[in-house]
Amino acid sequence: MSKTITDQTLALAGIFMAAEQVQKLAHQGRIAPEAFATLIGSIFMIDAADTDQVYGERANLQAGLRAVVTNLGSQGQLRDVEQMRYAISLLHLERGLARRRDLLDTISNGIALAQHKVELFSLTHDNVAAALADIYVNTVSTLKPRIMVTGEHGYLNHAENANRVRALLLAGIRSAVLWHQSGGSRMKLLFRRGAYAKEAGRLLASL
């Protein structure tokens, strides 16, 4: 896995896109089908050769790249506090998860089982989302502090939406793993925010 600023920016785009889709589900009860498919697909790309392969192609991350520009760029008044909170929480939880071999094994085994459901149904089928949600509940959700998703109770209490939210958070963890594998760190995010926003803008312009 290469460790360029491009790789790190793409991983950040995955994290922010997951945060954005969780936000949409919680407040509006809907998601972007293409973004959802890209994020769920990334969970199953365990042995990807490079960052691009995790997400299929860079164009699939347009929403996430725009979110990076908005949230990490110089125009602070445009930042979405809720998206930032989800993204930072995902990065923090991934570091805690990395120290738990037992939970990592549970996730790996769960993904292998969920892959069978993908083959039986489809990548974005409700049964697949439910399987991934179970993985999240039994692993990431046991770590502290837990991510508290805020939104409309009517949407959050809907079983299928709740499963999709947890599946998206698991996808966010997948991107957080990729962020660290590609050389990302807390200090880099703190001191190179502008560089990541600039790179995200460059990537968007190239699509």
Protein backbone atom coordinates (compact mmCIF):
# COMPACT_ATOMS: atom_id res chain seq x y z
CA MET A 1 0.00 0.00 0.00
CA SER A 2 1.54 3.31 -1.08
CA LYS A 3 1.61 6.22 1.37
CA THR A 4 1.17 9.33 -0.74
CA ILE A 5 -0.97 12.33 0.07
CA THR A 6 -3.31 11.15 -2.69
CA ASP A 7 -3.82 7.80 -0.95
CA GLN A 8 -4.44 9.51 2.37
CA THR A 9 -6.87 11.99 0.82
CA LEU A 10 -8.87 9.21 -0.85
CA ALA A 11 -9.12 7.39 2.49
CA LEU A 12 -10.28 10.61 4.16
CA ALA A 13 -12.87 10.99 1.41
CA GLY A 14 -14.16 7.52 2.29
CA ILE A 15 -14.45 8.48 5.96
CA PHE A 16 -16.23 11.75 5.24
CA MET A 17 -18.55 10.14 2.70
CA ALA A 18 -19.58 7.58 5.30
CA ALA A 19 -20.19 10.41 7.79
CA GLU A 20 -22.25 12.32 5.24
CA GLN A 21 -24.41 9.32 4.37
CA VAL A 22 -25.03 8.54 8.04
CA GLN A 23 -26.12 12.14 8.47
CA LYS A 24 -28.50 11.94 5.49
CA LEU A 25 -30.08 8.74 6.77
CA ALA A 26 -30.50 10.11 10.28
CA HIS A 27 -32.01 13.44 9.25
CA GLN A 28 -33.69 12.69 5.92
CA GLY A 29 -34.22 8.94 5.90
CA ARG A 30 -32.46 8.58 2.57
CA ILE A 31 -29.02 7.93 1.09
CA ALA A 32 -27.30 8.25 -2.27
CA PRO A 33 -27.44 4.73 -3.78
CA GLU A 34 -24.10 5.06 -5.58
CA ALA A 35 -22.30 6.31 -2.48
CA PHE A 36 -23.86 3.55 -0.38
CA ALA A 37 -22.76 0.88 -2.86
CA THR A 38 -19.21 2.27 -2.96
CA LEU A 39 -18.92 2.35 0.81
CA ILE A 40 -20.42 -1.09 1.39
CA GLY A 41 -18.23 -2.50 -1.37
CA SER A 42 -15.12 -1.11 0.32
CA ILE A 43 -15.74 -3.30 3.37
CA PHE A 44 -15.25 -6.42 1.27
CA MET A 45 -12.03 -5.19 -0.40
CA ILE A 46 -9.78 -6.73 2.22
CA ASP A 47 -6.78 -7.53 0.03
CA ALA A 48 -6.89 -4.55 -2.32
CA ALA A 49 -3.63 -3.79 -4.09
CA ASP A 50 -4.01 -0.03 -3.73
CA THR A 51 -6.31 2.67 -2.40
CA ASP A 52 -8.14 3.16 -5.69
CA GLN A 53 -9.12 -0.49 -5.82
CA VAL A 54 -10.85 -0.24 -2.43
CA TYR A 55 -13.39 2.20 -3.86
CA GLY A 56 -13.61 0.93 -7.43
CA GLU A 57 -12.64 4.22 -9.04
CA ARG A 58 -11.98 7.76 -7.86
CA ALA A 59 -15.16 9.12 -9.38
CA ASN A 60 -17.08 7.03 -6.84
CA LEU A 61 -15.68 9.25 -4.08
CA GLN A 62 -16.79 12.61 -5.43
CA ALA A 63 -19.16 13.29 -2.53
CA GLY A 64 -16.45 12.39 -0.03
CA LEU A 65 -13.85 14.55 -1.76
CA ARG A 66 -16.25 17.50 -1.69
CA ALA A 67 -16.79 16.90 2.02
CA VAL A 68 -13.02 16.94 2.58
CA VAL A 69 -12.76 20.29 0.81
CA THR A 70 -15.66 21.70 2.84
CA ASN A 71 -14.59 20.40 6.23
CA LEU A 72 -10.82 20.71 6.02
CA GLY A 73 -10.50 23.76 3.77
CA SER A 74 -9.78 27.33 4.80
CA GLN A 75 -13.40 28.49 4.80
CA GLY A 76 -14.22 27.29 8.29
CA GLN A 77 -17.74 28.71 8.27
CA LEU A 78 -18.72 26.06 5.74
CA ARG A 79 -17.69 23.13 7.93
CA ASP A 80 -20.32 20.65 9.04
CA VAL A 81 -19.79 20.07 12.76
CA GLU A 82 -21.80 16.85 12.78
CA GLN A 83 -19.85 15.34 9.87
CA MET A 84 -16.58 16.33 11.55
CA ARG A 85 -17.68 14.69 14.79
CA TYR A 86 -18.50 11.42 13.05
CA ALA A 87 -15.24 11.46 11.09
CA ILE A 88 -13.05 12.15 14.14
CA SER A 89 -14.91 9.50 16.14
CA LEU A 90 -14.34 6.91 13.41
CA LEU A 91 -10.61 7.68 13.36
CA HIS A 92 -10.44 7.41 17.15
CA LEU A 93 -12.37 4.15 17.31
CA GLU A 94 -10.22 2.59 14.59
CA ARG A 95 -7.13 3.16 16.75
CA GLY A 96 -8.81 1.40 19.66
CA LEU A 97 -9.95 -1.41 17.41
CA ALA A 98 -6.41 -1.90 16.09
CA ARG A 99 -5.35 -2.97 19.61
CA ARG A 100 -8.07 -5.63 19.87
CA ARG A 101 -7.06 -8.75 17.98
CA ASP A 102 -10.18 -10.55 19.19
CA LEU A 103 -12.49 -7.93 17.70
CA LEU A 104 -10.50 -7.80 14.46
CA ASP A 105 -10.89 -11.57 14.12
CA THR A 106 -14.64 -11.26 14.75
CA ILE A 107 -14.90 -8.60 12.04
CA SER A 108 -12.89 -10.68 9.57
CA ASN A 109 -15.05 -13.75 10.16
CA GLY A 110 -18.23 -11.68 9.97
CA ILE A 111 -17.24 -10.13 6.66
CA ALA A 112 -16.54 -13.58 5.22
CA LEU A 113 -20.06 -14.66 6.21
CA ALA A 114 -21.58 -11.45 4.87
CA GLN A 115 -19.84 -12.07 1.55
CA HIS A 116 -22.03 -15.15 1.11
CA LYS A 117 -25.10 -12.94 1.51
CA VAL A 118 -23.75 -10.60 -1.17
CA GLU A 119 -23.49 -13.58 -3.51
CA LEU A 120 -27.03 -14.69 -2.66
CA PHE A 121 -28.67 -11.28 -2.82
CA SER A 122 -26.75 -8.14 -3.82
CA LEU A 123 -24.19 -5.75 -2.36
CA THR A 124 -26.78 -3.25 -1.11
CA HIS A 125 -29.51 -5.71 -0.12
CA ASP A 126 -31.10 -5.23 3.30
CA ASN A 127 -29.86 -8.67 4.40
CA VAL A 128 -26.27 -7.63 3.71
CA ALA A 129 -26.75 -4.36 5.62
CA ALA A 130 -28.21 -6.34 8.54
CA ALA A 131 -25.21 -8.69 8.58
CA LEU A 132 -22.76 -5.79 8.54
CA ALA A 133 -24.77 -4.00 11.24
CA ASP A 134 -24.44 -7.08 13.46
CA ILE A 135 -20.68 -7.00 12.97
CA TYR A 136 -20.58 -3.36 14.03
CA VAL A 137 -22.76 -3.94 17.10
CA ASN A 138 -20.62 -6.87 18.29
CA THR A 139 -17.27 -5.17 17.74
CA VAL A 140 -16.88 -1.43 17.18
CA SER A 141 -19.96 -0.60 19.24
CA THR A 142 -18.37 -2.22 22.31
CA LEU A 143 -15.54 0.34 22.28
CA LYS A 144 -15.67 3.69 24.04
CA PRO A 145 -16.69 6.34 23.39
CA ARG A 146 -19.52 5.06 21.22
CA ILE A 147 -20.65 7.11 18.25
CA MET A 148 -23.97 8.75 19.07
CA VAL A 149 -25.90 9.32 15.86
CA THR A 150 -28.35 12.21 16.08
CA GLY A 151 -31.33 12.81 13.84
CA GLU A 152 -35.05 12.20 13.50
CA HIS A 153 -36.29 9.39 15.76
CA GLY A 154 -38.69 8.22 13.09
CA TYR A 155 -35.80 7.50 10.75
CA LEU A 156 -33.37 6.19 13.37
CA ASN A 157 -35.93 3.82 14.89
CA HIS A 158 -36.67 2.27 11.50
CA ALA A 159 -34.95 -1.13 11.57
CA GLU A 160 -33.65 -1.02 8.00
CA ASN A 161 -32.31 2.50 8.43
CA ALA A 162 -30.63 1.56 11.71
CA ASN A 163 -28.90 -1.33 9.95
CA ARG A 164 -27.76 0.93 7.13
CA VAL A 165 -26.36 3.47 9.60
CA ARG A 166 -24.32 0.79 11.36
CA ALA A 167 -23.17 -0.67 8.05
CA LEU A 168 -22.04 2.80 6.96
CA LEU A 169 -20.17 3.31 10.23
CA LEU A 170 -18.41 -0.01 9.63
CA ALA A 171 -17.48 1.27 6.17
CA GLY A 172 -16.15 4.41 7.83
CA ILE A 173 -13.96 2.24 10.03
CA ARG A 174 -12.72 0.46 6.89
CA SER A 175 -11.66 3.81 5.44
CA ALA A 176 -10.06 4.76 8.76
CA VAL A 177 -7.98 1.56 8.58
CA LEU A 178 -6.96 2.54 5.06
CA TRP A 179 -6.06 6.06 6.27
CA HIS A 180 -3.54 4.67 8.73
CA GLN A 181 -2.25 2.03 6.31
CA SER A 182 -1.53 4.81 3.82
CA GLY A 183 0.45 6.83 6.35
CA GLY A 184 -2.26 9.01 7.86
CA SER A 185 -2.03 10.05 11.50
CA ARG A 186 -3.65 12.38 14.02
CA MET A 187 -0.78 14.84 13.74
CA LYS A 188 -0.98 14.93 9.96
CA LEU A 189 -4.69 15.58 10.07
CA LEU A 190 -4.14 18.37 12.59
CA PHE A 191 -1.32 20.14 10.78
CA ARG A 192 -1.95 19.28 7.12
CA ARG A 193 -5.68 19.92 6.85
CA GLY A 194 -5.16 22.51 4.14
CA ALA A 195 -2.95 20.17 2.14
CA TYR A 196 -5.61 17.45 2.20
CA ALA A 197 -8.32 19.92 1.17
CA LYS A 198 -6.13 21.14 -1.69
CA GLU A 199 -5.43 17.58 -2.84
CA ALA A 200 -9.14 16.74 -2.67
CA GLY A 201 -9.86 19.76 -4.85
CA ARG A 202 -7.21 18.66 -7.32
CA LEU A 203 -8.67 15.17 -7.47
CA LEU A 204 -12.16 16.55 -8.04
CA ALA A 205 -10.92 18.73 -10.87
CA SER A 206 -9.31 15.70 -12.54
CA LEU A 207 -12.50 13.63 -12.62
